[in-house]
Amino acid sequence: MFSSCGGASDSSTFTGVVANVNVNGEVRDFSTQTLLADVKISVSPSSSASITSDINGFYQTTLNSQTDYILTFSKGSYISTEYKVHIDTEGTKVLEAVYLLASNTGTVSGASGTITSTSTSFPLEDVNVSLRQGVSNQTGVVTALTKTLADGSYDFNSISIGTYTIEMALTSYLTGYGTLYVIGGNPGVDQNFSISPEVLSLDGNNSASGTIKDAVTSLGLNDVNISVRLGKNNTTGPIVLTSTSENNGSVDGAYAFNNIAVGIYTLEMSLNGYITGHGNMNVIDGQLGNNQNFVLSPELATNEEMRLILTWKAEPKDLDSNLRGTRDDNTTYKISFSNKIEVGEASLDADATSGFGPETITIENISLGKYVYYHKKFSGVGDLNSSEASVQIIRKGLPIEVIDINTTGSGSFWEVFRIDNNVTTIINKIVISEPVL
């Protein structure tokens, strides 16, 4: 949630035809990660009435393209938060999730973390760090300033609780932006960010390769358009390389980049009929960076559907995805490799037994019943802590949410989240006993 990549700010000069754009997103409680209903969203400049998030924390409105807006999110005992957004597209624009902070006793607190280079993951010293109130506020009044130390750390003390845009500037690096949360009575530690070098030579003697698969069928996907950006999690920077997945003589969906420099790169993968995906490709000196595999999800049909995609590294060989849920009559069922389909409820679409994944579960209507979603280490070398397991949560029209396994704790089960009365609670714990409803 706290990672950020460098990028240039939006231009204030607009040209072209103004069009209507469907703008949507979701609102969550920062501490619990639960979706928030009945959040009031006012839009400025706009003559339309306020928008309210629904029971799923989802909101949407129609705005003009080529225009700057301020969206203000307000709800009861939460601190109001502003989100500055530039509408420069046509059709639909999905905004990043907005997290609201509950009001706390007192008015000041602190926040700290580390800033690293996206290309090397090394800490960066003397980064100029500034704060502005609100989300995506790159041009407003600066309310606090500091610099990183030799270990890349920064620390803000005695600043007003609320949500801030953090700006990170360093010579020879692209200026980076992110969202910083200052919580009353609970200093927000480990709010870490990264920024990308301005120039990184692409020439080198190293390589990286892998496959891109369909998350539902596990089949390789040919003709995926691949765009490469410098740095980790960099979804907006300049594109430096392009390619297309293909059959390489043995498998479908193969891609490869040869003679490139050491570093971390972000791949953007798009194919008609699929949700555009992103992933990080790591190029290590003297090593063949193969088996850097990715998955794309077919587009979802309705807002009620939820798709859950598990991926991990080569070992353990077999991680099993499980979903427990309730039917209309309040009886329970379990989706697993031994019961792949519960008609009208959910299905295990993909089951991997030789590492990497994907293991994919689709829930047909999350507004019905209760759920607990978890994974079990079934076989192979190593344990869950070393698996590098990661889950993508996919909803129609919303940003893909990624949950990386919390490596603290011990046991054979990874409990990811629970849903009750249409409210999702992230658990993200390794536990000894199998989760139940």
Protein backbone atom coordinates (compact mmCIF):
# COMPACT_ATOMS: atom_id res chain seq x y z
CA MET A 1 0.00 0.00 0.00
CA PHE A 2 2.91 2.35 0.66
CA SER A 3 5.05 1.68 -2.44
CA SER A 4 5.39 4.49 -4.96
CA CYS A 5 7.18 5.09 -8.22
CA GLY A 6 8.51 8.27 -9.75
CA GLY A 7 6.63 10.10 -12.45
CA ALA A 8 6.07 13.54 -13.87
CA SER A 9 3.10 15.59 -12.69
CA ASP A 10 0.14 16.21 -15.00
CA SER A 11 0.22 19.20 -17.31
CA SER A 12 -2.08 22.14 -16.58
CA THR A 13 -2.58 22.91 -20.27
CA PHE A 14 -5.39 20.98 -21.94
CA THR A 15 -6.10 20.48 -25.62
CA GLY A 16 -8.54 18.34 -27.57
CA VAL A 17 -12.21 17.44 -27.26
CA VAL A 18 -13.90 17.39 -23.84
CA ALA A 19 -15.78 14.13 -23.24
CA ASN A 20 -17.77 12.54 -20.43
CA VAL A 21 -15.75 10.07 -18.36
CA ASN A 22 -17.11 7.49 -15.91
CA VAL A 23 -14.97 7.86 -12.77
CA ASN A 24 -15.17 5.22 -10.04
CA GLY A 25 -13.26 3.70 -7.13
CA GLU A 26 -13.58 2.36 -3.61
CA VAL A 27 -13.23 3.68 -0.04
CA ARG A 28 -11.75 1.70 2.88
CA ASP A 29 -11.03 2.09 6.58
CA PHE A 30 -7.26 2.53 6.87
CA SER A 31 -6.82 0.44 10.03
CA THR A 32 -9.11 -2.51 9.25
CA GLN A 33 -8.99 -2.38 5.42
CA THR A 34 -12.79 -2.90 5.40
CA LEU A 35 -14.87 -1.27 2.68
CA LEU A 36 -16.83 1.78 3.84
CA ALA A 37 -20.46 2.43 2.91
CA ASP A 38 -22.24 5.81 3.11
CA VAL A 39 -19.11 7.90 2.54
CA LYS A 40 -20.08 11.30 1.13
CA ILE A 41 -17.99 12.40 -1.86
CA SER A 42 -18.28 16.00 -3.00
CA VAL A 43 -16.78 17.12 -6.31
CA SER A 44 -15.31 20.54 -7.05
CA PRO A 45 -15.81 22.16 -9.48
CA SER A 46 -19.20 20.54 -10.11
CA SER A 47 -22.86 21.46 -9.95
CA SER A 48 -23.98 17.88 -9.37
CA ALA A 49 -25.19 16.53 -6.02
CA SER A 50 -22.84 14.70 -3.65
CA ILE A 51 -22.06 11.05 -4.34
CA THR A 52 -22.34 8.33 -1.69
CA SER A 53 -20.42 5.05 -1.59
CA ASP A 54 -22.60 1.93 -1.67
CA ILE A 55 -22.57 -1.12 0.62
CA ASN A 56 -19.46 -2.39 -1.21
CA GLY A 57 -17.58 0.87 -0.62
CA PHE A 58 -17.94 1.58 -4.36
CA TYR A 59 -18.71 5.00 -5.82
CA GLN A 60 -18.99 6.37 -9.34
CA THR A 61 -19.81 9.61 -11.12
CA THR A 62 -19.45 11.23 -14.53
CA LEU A 63 -16.91 14.03 -15.01
CA ASN A 64 -15.51 15.97 -17.94
CA SER A 65 -12.21 14.94 -19.48
CA GLN A 66 -9.26 17.34 -19.62
CA THR A 67 -10.23 18.87 -16.27
CA ASP A 68 -8.80 19.01 -12.73
CA TYR A 69 -11.11 18.10 -9.85
CA ILE A 70 -10.96 17.84 -6.06
CA LEU A 71 -12.92 14.96 -4.54
CA THR A 72 -13.59 15.31 -0.79
CA PHE A 73 -14.41 12.11 1.14
CA SER A 74 -16.32 12.50 4.44
CA LYS A 75 -17.96 10.09 6.89
CA GLY A 76 -19.05 10.50 10.52
CA SER A 77 -16.12 9.86 12.86
CA TYR A 78 -13.52 9.80 10.06
CA ILE A 79 -11.13 12.56 9.05
CA SER A 80 -12.21 14.14 5.75
CA THR A 81 -9.73 13.56 2.94
CA GLU A 82 -9.22 15.42 -0.35
CA TYR A 83 -8.19 13.65 -3.54
CA LYS A 84 -6.89 15.79 -6.41
CA VAL A 85 -7.43 14.10 -9.77
CA HIS A 86 -6.82 15.07 -13.39
CA ILE A 87 -9.25 13.53 -15.89
CA ASP A 88 -7.31 13.08 -19.12
CA THR A 89 -8.95 9.97 -20.57
CA GLU A 90 -12.18 9.01 -22.28
CA GLY A 91 -14.50 6.17 -21.34
CA THR A 92 -13.71 5.02 -17.77
CA LYS A 93 -11.11 6.07 -15.19
CA VAL A 94 -10.62 3.89 -12.10
CA LEU A 95 -9.06 5.79 -9.19
CA GLU A 96 -6.74 4.26 -6.60
CA ALA A 97 -8.46 3.18 -3.39
CA VAL A 98 -9.02 5.94 -0.82
CA TYR A 99 -8.29 5.06 2.82
CA LEU A 100 -9.98 7.09 5.57
CA LEU A 101 -8.51 7.53 9.05
CA ALA A 102 -10.79 7.30 12.07
CA SER A 103 -10.70 10.33 14.36
CA ASN A 104 -8.46 9.89 17.40
CA THR A 105 -7.90 11.69 20.67
CA GLY A 106 -5.31 14.39 20.13
CA THR A 107 -4.35 16.30 17.02
CA VAL A 108 -0.73 15.43 16.29
CA SER A 109 1.32 12.30 15.70
CA GLY A 110 4.15 11.12 13.46
CA ALA A 111 5.11 8.95 10.50
CA SER A 112 8.35 7.37 9.33
CA GLY A 113 9.79 4.94 6.82
CA THR A 114 12.52 4.33 4.26
CA ILE A 115 13.04 5.50 0.67
CA THR A 116 14.92 3.21 -1.73
CA SER A 117 15.92 3.07 -5.39
CA THR A 118 13.59 1.07 -7.63
CA SER A 119 16.51 -0.14 -9.72
CA THR A 120 18.70 -1.50 -6.90
CA SER A 121 16.44 -1.55 -3.79
CA PHE A 122 19.29 0.26 -1.96
CA PRO A 123 18.40 3.06 0.52
CA LEU A 124 18.78 6.63 -0.73
CA GLU A 125 20.41 9.41 1.32
CA ASP A 126 19.57 13.14 1.13
CA VAL A 127 16.19 12.70 -0.55
CA ASN A 128 14.17 15.89 -0.09
CA VAL A 129 10.86 14.75 1.41
CA SER A 130 7.89 17.12 1.57
CA LEU A 131 4.25 16.71 2.62
CA ARG A 132 1.05 18.30 1.29
CA GLN A 133 -2.39 17.68 2.75
CA GLY A 134 -4.73 15.36 0.85
CA VAL A 135 -4.32 12.60 -1.73
CA SER A 136 -2.58 13.20 -5.07
CA ASN A 137 -1.83 16.83 -4.14
CA GLN A 138 1.35 17.57 -6.09
CA THR A 139 1.07 21.37 -6.30
CA GLY A 140 -0.47 22.60 -3.02
CA VAL A 141 1.17 24.24 0.00
CA VAL A 142 3.97 22.19 1.59
CA THR A 143 3.20 21.59 5.28
CA ALA A 144 6.35 19.68 6.36
CA LEU A 145 9.90 19.05 5.08
CA THR A 146 12.73 16.67 5.93
CA LYS A 147 15.65 14.72 4.36
CA THR A 148 16.52 11.05 4.43
CA LEU A 149 19.52 9.84 6.42
CA ALA A 150 22.31 7.51 5.22
CA ASP A 151 20.07 4.47 5.77
CA GLY A 152 17.31 6.00 3.63
CA SER A 153 15.09 6.69 6.63
CA TYR A 154 12.85 9.72 7.11
CA ASP A 155 10.85 10.76 10.18
CA PHE A 156 8.08 13.32 10.68
CA ASN A 157 7.19 14.23 14.27
CA SER A 158 4.38 16.34 15.73
CA ILE A 159 2.36 16.84 12.55
CA SER A 160 -1.42 16.97 12.29
CA ILE A 161 -3.18 13.64 11.94
CA GLY A 162 -4.61 13.06 8.47
CA THR A 163 -3.74 11.95 4.95
CA TYR A 164 -0.87 13.54 3.02
CA THR A 165 0.79 13.43 -0.39
CA ILE A 166 4.49 12.71 0.09
CA GLU A 167 6.90 14.11 -2.54
CA MET A 168 10.42 12.66 -2.87
CA ALA A 169 13.08 14.52 -4.88
CA LEU A 170 16.74 13.63 -5.46
CA THR A 171 19.23 14.64 -8.15
CA SER A 172 19.33 12.14 -11.06
CA TYR A 173 16.04 10.56 -9.95
CA LEU A 174 12.48 11.07 -11.13
CA THR A 175 10.43 12.91 -8.51
CA GLY A 176 8.17 10.39 -6.80
CA TYR A 177 4.80 10.75 -5.07
CA GLY A 178 2.82 8.59 -2.68
CA THR A 179 0.22 8.70 0.09
CA LEU A 180 1.28 9.02 3.74
CA TYR A 181 -1.01 8.36 6.71
CA VAL A 182 -0.56 10.09 10.08
CA ILE A 183 -2.61 8.35 12.78
CA GLY A 184 -3.37 9.86 16.17
CA GLY A 185 -1.85 7.96 19.08
CA ASN A 186 -0.19 5.45 16.74
CA PRO A 187 2.83 6.70 14.75
CA GLY A 188 2.72 5.29 11.22
CA VAL A 189 6.05 3.46 10.97
CA ASP A 190 7.35 1.51 7.95
CA GLN A 191 5.63 3.69 5.37
CA ASN A 192 8.21 2.88 2.72
CA PHE A 193 8.53 4.25 -0.80
CA SER A 194 10.85 3.98 -3.80
CA ILE A 195 11.83 6.32 -6.65
CA SER A 196 13.30 5.60 -10.08
CA PRO A 197 16.57 6.82 -11.66
CA GLU A 198 16.21 9.30 -14.50
CA VAL A 199 18.59 7.36 -16.73
CA LEU A 200 19.48 3.68 -16.63
CA SER A 201 21.32 2.07 -19.52
CA LEU A 202 19.37 -0.79 -21.06
CA ASP A 203 22.51 -2.36 -22.49
CA GLY A 204 23.81 -5.42 -20.67
CA ASN A 205 24.60 -9.11 -20.86
CA ASN A 206 21.68 -10.36 -18.81
CA SER A 207 18.29 -11.82 -19.61
CA ALA A 208 14.84 -12.45 -18.17
CA SER A 209 12.04 -14.66 -19.43
CA GLY A 210 8.85 -16.42 -18.46
CA THR A 211 5.28 -17.12 -19.50
CA ILE A 212 1.99 -15.24 -19.33
CA LYS A 213 -1.02 -17.44 -18.58
CA ASP A 214 -4.80 -17.21 -18.46
CA ALA A 215 -5.74 -17.12 -14.76
CA VAL A 216 -8.80 -19.32 -15.32
CA THR A 217 -7.54 -21.94 -17.79
CA SER A 218 -3.80 -21.84 -16.91
CA LEU A 219 -3.08 -21.88 -20.66
CA GLY A 220 -0.33 -19.70 -22.10
CA LEU A 221 -1.52 -16.51 -23.80
CA ASN A 222 0.01 -15.49 -27.13
CA ASP A 223 -0.11 -11.96 -28.55
CA VAL A 224 -0.05 -10.23 -25.16
CA ASN A 225 1.31 -6.70 -25.62
CA ILE A 226 4.14 -6.13 -23.13
CA SER A 227 5.38 -2.64 -22.24
CA VAL A 228 8.43 -2.25 -19.97
CA ARG A 229 9.19 0.63 -17.60
CA LEU A 230 12.27 1.21 -15.47
CA GLY A 231 11.93 0.51 -11.78
CA LYS A 232 9.68 -1.43 -9.43
CA ASN A 233 5.89 -0.90 -9.47
CA ASN A 234 6.29 1.87 -12.05
CA THR A 235 2.94 1.95 -13.87
CA THR A 236 3.10 5.50 -15.23
CA GLY A 237 6.69 6.22 -16.33
CA PRO A 238 8.14 6.23 -19.85
CA ILE A 239 8.05 2.93 -21.76
CA VAL A 240 11.58 1.77 -22.60
CA LEU A 241 10.98 -1.64 -24.19
CA THR A 242 8.11 -3.48 -25.84
CA SER A 243 7.49 -7.08 -26.81
CA THR A 244 4.75 -9.63 -27.48
CA SER A 245 4.22 -13.07 -25.97
CA GLU A 246 4.34 -16.00 -28.39
CA ASN A 247 4.89 -19.71 -28.81
CA ASN A 248 8.64 -20.21 -28.43
CA GLY A 249 8.62 -23.71 -29.92
CA SER A 250 7.67 -25.46 -26.69
CA VAL A 251 5.09 -23.36 -24.82
CA ASP A 252 2.49 -20.70 -25.54
CA GLY A 253 2.64 -17.32 -23.83
CA ALA A 254 6.44 -17.11 -23.70
CA TYR A 255 8.32 -13.82 -23.52
CA ALA A 256 12.04 -13.03 -23.24
CA PHE A 257 14.25 -9.97 -22.92
CA ASN A 258 17.94 -10.44 -23.72
CA ASN A 259 21.05 -8.28 -23.39
CA ILE A 260 19.55 -5.92 -20.83
CA ALA A 261 21.02 -4.25 -17.76
CA VAL A 262 20.74 -5.38 -14.17
CA GLY A 263 17.76 -3.86 -12.37
CA ILE A 264 14.08 -4.12 -11.60
CA TYR A 265 11.57 -3.45 -14.36
CA THR A 266 7.78 -3.15 -14.42
CA LEU A 267 5.89 -5.07 -17.10
CA GLU A 268 2.48 -3.89 -18.28
CA MET A 269 0.56 -6.69 -20.04
CA SER A 270 -2.58 -6.16 -22.11
CA LEU A 271 -4.72 -8.36 -24.34
CA ASN A 272 -8.22 -7.86 -25.70
CA GLY A 273 -10.81 -9.46 -23.40
CA TYR A 274 -8.47 -9.45 -20.38
CA ILE A 275 -7.86 -7.05 -17.49
CA THR A 276 -4.55 -5.23 -17.97
CA GLY A 277 -1.97 -6.53 -15.49
CA HIS A 278 1.35 -5.37 -14.05
CA GLY A 279 4.28 -7.26 -12.58
CA ASN A 280 7.91 -6.76 -11.61
CA MET A 281 10.74 -8.39 -13.57
CA ASN A 282 14.06 -8.75 -11.75
CA VAL A 283 17.29 -8.88 -13.78
CA ILE A 284 20.22 -10.17 -11.70
CA ASP A 285 23.85 -10.02 -12.81
CA GLY A 286 25.19 -13.38 -13.95
CA GLN A 287 21.90 -15.22 -13.49
CA LEU A 288 19.33 -16.45 -15.96
CA GLY A 289 16.15 -14.72 -14.87
CA ASN A 290 13.79 -17.37 -16.17
CA ASN A 291 10.42 -18.47 -14.75
CA GLN A 292 9.33 -14.89 -14.12
CA ASN A 293 5.74 -15.80 -14.82
CA PHE A 294 2.58 -13.70 -14.82
CA VAL A 295 -1.16 -14.22 -15.18
CA LEU A 296 -3.97 -12.19 -16.74
CA SER A 297 -7.61 -12.47 -15.71
CA PRO A 298 -10.42 -12.52 -18.26
CA GLU A 299 -12.75 -9.57 -17.77
CA LEU A 300 -15.51 -10.11 -15.21
CA ALA A 301 -19.15 -10.01 -16.24
CA THR A 302 -20.75 -8.31 -13.21
CA ASN A 303 -19.90 -6.10 -10.22
CA GLU A 304 -20.92 -8.93 -7.88
CA GLU A 305 -18.19 -11.29 -9.09
CA MET A 306 -14.82 -11.57 -7.34
CA ARG A 307 -11.81 -13.42 -8.74
CA LEU A 308 -8.95 -14.55 -6.49
CA ILE A 309 -5.60 -15.49 -8.07
CA LEU A 310 -2.79 -17.12 -6.08
CA THR A 311 0.79 -17.25 -7.38
CA TRP A 312 4.05 -18.20 -5.65
CA LYS A 313 7.61 -19.31 -6.46
CA ALA A 314 8.82 -22.78 -7.49
CA GLU A 315 8.67 -24.22 -3.97
CA PRO A 316 6.61 -25.42 -2.19
CA LYS A 317 5.34 -27.32 -5.22
CA ASP A 318 1.70 -27.34 -4.19
CA LEU A 319 -0.24 -24.64 -2.36
CA ASP A 320 -3.96 -25.38 -2.24
CA SER A 321 -6.55 -22.61 -2.48
CA ASN A 322 -9.63 -22.99 -0.28
CA LEU A 323 -12.85 -21.03 0.11
CA ARG A 324 -15.50 -21.69 2.74
CA GLY A 325 -18.88 -20.05 2.17
CA THR A 326 -22.54 -20.13 3.14
CA ARG A 327 -25.53 -20.92 0.92
CA ASP A 328 -28.92 -19.15 0.97
CA ASP A 329 -30.18 -21.62 3.60
CA ASN A 330 -27.14 -20.82 5.79
CA THR A 331 -25.56 -24.25 5.25
CA THR A 332 -21.85 -24.20 4.44
CA TYR A 333 -19.68 -25.47 1.60
CA LYS A 334 -15.96 -25.66 0.86
CA ILE A 335 -14.25 -25.07 -2.49
CA SER A 336 -10.99 -27.01 -2.84
CA PHE A 337 -9.20 -29.40 -5.21
CA SER A 338 -11.65 -32.15 -4.13
CA ASN A 339 -14.78 -30.00 -4.64
CA LYS A 340 -14.07 -27.57 -7.45
CA ILE A 341 -17.59 -26.33 -8.19
CA GLU A 342 -20.46 -25.22 -5.97
CA VAL A 343 -23.21 -24.46 -8.49
CA GLY A 344 -24.41 -20.88 -8.27
CA GLU A 345 -21.82 -19.99 -5.64
CA ALA A 346 -18.12 -20.35 -6.52
CA SER A 347 -15.59 -22.43 -8.43
CA LEU A 348 -11.92 -23.44 -8.40
CA ASP A 349 -11.00 -22.56 -11.98
CA ALA A 350 -7.27 -23.38 -11.94
CA ASP A 351 -5.34 -25.83 -9.73
CA ALA A 352 -1.52 -25.87 -9.92
CA THR A 353 0.56 -28.67 -8.40
CA SER A 354 4.09 -27.92 -9.64
CA GLY A 355 4.85 -24.45 -8.33
CA PHE A 356 4.24 -20.89 -9.49
CA GLY A 357 0.44 -21.15 -9.88
CA PRO A 358 -2.00 -19.84 -10.76
CA GLU A 359 -4.64 -21.20 -8.43
CA THR A 360 -7.83 -19.29 -9.17
CA ILE A 361 -11.19 -19.13 -7.42
CA THR A 362 -14.17 -17.14 -8.72
CA ILE A 363 -17.05 -16.14 -6.43
CA GLU A 364 -20.25 -15.48 -8.37
CA ASN A 365 -21.92 -13.06 -5.94
CA ILE A 366 -20.02 -11.72 -2.94
CA SER A 367 -23.10 -9.91 -1.60
CA LEU A 368 -24.46 -13.30 -0.49
CA GLY A 369 -23.35 -15.04 2.70
CA LYS A 370 -20.09 -15.30 4.60
CA TYR A 371 -16.69 -16.40 3.28
CA VAL A 372 -13.21 -17.22 4.49
CA TYR A 373 -10.43 -17.49 1.86
CA TYR A 374 -7.19 -19.28 2.73
CA HIS A 375 -4.36 -21.52 1.43
CA LYS A 376 -2.70 -24.68 2.65
CA LYS A 377 0.84 -25.88 2.04
CA PHE A 378 0.08 -29.33 0.59
CA SER A 379 3.47 -30.59 -0.60
CA GLY A 380 7.00 -29.57 -1.57
CA VAL A 381 10.18 -28.16 -0.05
CA GLY A 382 10.03 -25.17 2.27
CA ASP A 383 7.12 -23.55 4.06
CA LEU A 384 4.60 -20.76 3.57
CA ASN A 385 7.00 -18.19 5.03
CA SER A 386 9.44 -18.70 2.14
CA SER A 387 6.85 -19.22 -0.61
CA GLU A 388 6.61 -15.56 -1.73
CA ALA A 389 2.89 -16.23 -2.14
CA SER A 390 0.75 -13.40 -3.45
CA VAL A 391 -2.98 -13.00 -4.10
CA GLN A 392 -4.69 -10.70 -6.60
CA ILE A 393 -8.25 -9.67 -5.71
CA ILE A 394 -10.11 -8.68 -8.86
CA ARG A 395 -13.44 -6.84 -9.08
CA LYS A 396 -15.08 -5.39 -12.16
CA GLY A 397 -14.18 -1.73 -12.64
CA LEU A 398 -11.90 -1.54 -9.57
CA PRO A 399 -8.10 -1.48 -9.27
CA ILE A 400 -6.51 -4.90 -8.76
CA GLU A 401 -5.69 -5.34 -5.07
CA VAL A 402 -2.54 -7.36 -4.27
CA ILE A 403 -1.91 -9.06 -0.91
CA ASP A 404 1.61 -10.40 -0.33
CA ILE A 405 1.92 -13.05 2.35
CA ASN A 406 2.82 -11.83 5.83
CA THR A 407 5.85 -13.98 6.65
CA THR A 408 5.52 -13.71 10.42
CA GLY A 409 3.88 -16.58 12.26
CA SER A 410 4.08 -20.32 11.65
CA GLY A 411 1.79 -23.05 10.41
CA SER A 412 0.50 -24.75 7.28
CA PHE A 413 -2.37 -22.34 6.53
CA TRP A 414 -2.40 -18.77 5.21
CA GLU A 415 -5.68 -17.04 6.07
CA VAL A 416 -6.05 -14.18 3.58
CA PHE A 417 -9.41 -12.52 4.28
CA ARG A 418 -13.01 -12.90 5.44
CA ILE A 419 -16.25 -11.50 4.05
CA ASP A 420 -19.32 -11.00 6.27
CA ASN A 421 -22.41 -9.04 5.25
CA ASN A 422 -20.55 -7.80 2.18
CA VAL A 423 -17.71 -6.36 4.31
CA THR A 424 -14.20 -7.63 3.52
CA THR A 425 -11.69 -7.88 6.37
CA ILE A 426 -8.04 -8.55 5.46
CA ILE A 427 -6.48 -11.11 7.85
CA ASN A 428 -3.13 -12.00 6.16
CA LYS A 429 -1.80 -14.38 8.82
CA ILE A 430 -0.01 -17.73 8.76
CA VAL A 431 -1.83 -19.97 11.25
CA ILE A 432 -1.58 -23.52 12.59
CA SER A 433 -5.26 -24.54 12.42
CA GLU A 434 -7.42 -24.62 9.30
CA PRO A 435 -9.69 -21.53 9.23
CA VAL A 436 -13.44 -22.08 9.62
CA LEU A 437 -16.50 -19.85 9.38
